[in-house]
Amino acid sequence: MSLVENMLAAPKGVQEHDEHHEHLLRAVKRAAAGELTKRQMECVELFYGKSIKEKEIAEILGIRPPTVCRHLAKARRRLRRVLEYYI
């Protein structure tokens, strides 16, 4: 299961194929694939998918912590903008 699918897994009591849930999942996948740079996606996957702190992400990727913060902020803005369009 991908990070996006993991983040948007249907909550308990919701049918896995609920139409709204499926629509949201497709929108997030589209947004992540088409809107995020490779570096932004790496930061998002490490921060949200693996719960790694920004300082550690910086060390892993060989960049400075403020750069990680900027990548995460830009990724959130891009995803928010795309999701507002789809939802």
Protein backbone atom coordinates (compact mmCIF):
# COMPACT_ATOMS: atom_id res chain seq x y z
CA MET A 1 0.00 0.00 0.00
CA SER A 2 1.42 3.41 -0.94
CA LEU A 3 1.87 6.30 1.49
CA VAL A 4 -1.16 8.09 0.05
CA GLU A 5 -3.33 4.98 0.32
CA ASN A 6 -2.08 4.45 3.86
CA MET A 7 -2.89 8.03 4.85
CA LEU A 8 -6.37 7.76 3.36
CA ALA A 9 -7.27 4.24 4.42
CA ALA A 10 -10.98 4.02 5.08
CA PRO A 11 -11.75 4.65 8.73
CA LYS A 12 -13.50 1.95 10.75
CA GLY A 13 -17.15 1.67 9.84
CA VAL A 14 -16.67 3.10 6.34
CA GLN A 15 -17.06 0.81 3.38
CA GLU A 16 -13.72 0.41 1.58
CA HIS A 17 -15.40 1.36 -1.69
CA ASP A 18 -17.33 4.34 -0.38
CA GLU A 19 -17.71 6.73 -3.34
CA HIS A 20 -16.54 9.83 -1.46
CA HIS A 21 -13.52 8.01 -0.05
CA GLU A 22 -12.55 6.68 -3.48
CA HIS A 23 -12.90 10.16 -5.00
CA LEU A 24 -10.65 11.63 -2.30
CA LEU A 25 -8.05 8.90 -2.75
CA ARG A 26 -7.92 9.46 -6.52
CA ALA A 27 -7.59 13.23 -6.01
CA VAL A 28 -4.71 12.87 -3.56
CA LYS A 29 -2.90 10.39 -5.81
CA ARG A 30 -3.29 12.75 -8.77
CA ALA A 31 -2.11 15.68 -6.70
CA ALA A 32 0.92 13.88 -5.34
CA ALA A 33 1.94 12.46 -8.70
CA GLY A 34 1.43 15.61 -10.72
CA GLU A 35 2.18 18.41 -8.31
CA LEU A 36 5.05 17.38 -6.07
CA THR A 37 8.69 17.37 -7.07
CA LYS A 38 10.73 14.27 -6.38
CA ARG A 39 12.40 15.97 -3.39
CA GLN A 40 9.07 17.15 -1.97
CA MET A 41 7.68 13.63 -2.26
CA GLU A 42 10.75 12.22 -0.49
CA CYS A 43 10.31 14.69 2.37
CA VAL A 44 6.58 13.97 2.63
CA GLU A 45 7.12 10.20 2.64
CA LEU A 46 9.80 10.40 5.33
CA PHE A 47 7.97 12.95 7.50
CA TYR A 48 4.41 11.65 7.27
CA GLY A 49 4.96 8.07 6.17
CA LYS A 50 7.81 7.15 8.49
CA SER A 51 7.45 9.84 11.20
CA ILE A 52 11.05 10.98 10.81
CA LYS A 53 11.89 14.42 12.21
CA GLU A 54 12.96 17.23 9.88
CA LYS A 55 16.54 17.28 11.18
CA GLU A 56 16.92 13.55 10.49
CA ILE A 57 15.37 13.93 7.04
CA ALA A 58 17.95 16.62 6.30
CA GLU A 59 20.73 14.24 7.25
CA ILE A 60 19.28 11.39 5.18
CA LEU A 61 18.82 13.56 2.09
CA GLY A 62 21.98 15.60 2.52
CA ILE A 63 20.20 18.94 2.74
CA ARG A 64 19.72 21.55 5.46
CA PRO A 65 16.78 21.35 7.92
CA PRO A 66 15.31 24.70 6.73
CA THR A 67 15.26 23.26 3.20
CA VAL A 68 13.27 20.26 4.46
CA CYS A 69 10.80 22.67 6.10
CA ARG A 70 10.40 24.56 2.82
CA HIS A 71 9.85 21.34 0.84
CA LEU A 72 7.18 20.21 3.29
CA ALA A 73 5.46 23.60 3.31
CA LYS A 74 5.39 23.76 -0.50
CA ALA A 75 4.12 20.20 -0.71
CA ARG A 76 1.28 20.95 1.71
CA ARG A 77 0.31 24.10 -0.20
CA ARG A 78 0.33 22.27 -3.53
CA LEU A 79 -1.70 19.36 -2.21
CA ARG A 80 -4.18 21.68 -0.51
CA ARG A 81 -4.66 23.68 -3.72
CA VAL A 82 -5.24 20.59 -5.84
CA LEU A 83 -7.54 18.97 -3.29
CA GLU A 84 -9.66 22.11 -3.04
CA TYR A 85 -10.21 21.84 -6.78
CA TYR A 86 -11.18 18.15 -6.69
CA ILE A 87 -13.30 18.17 -3.54
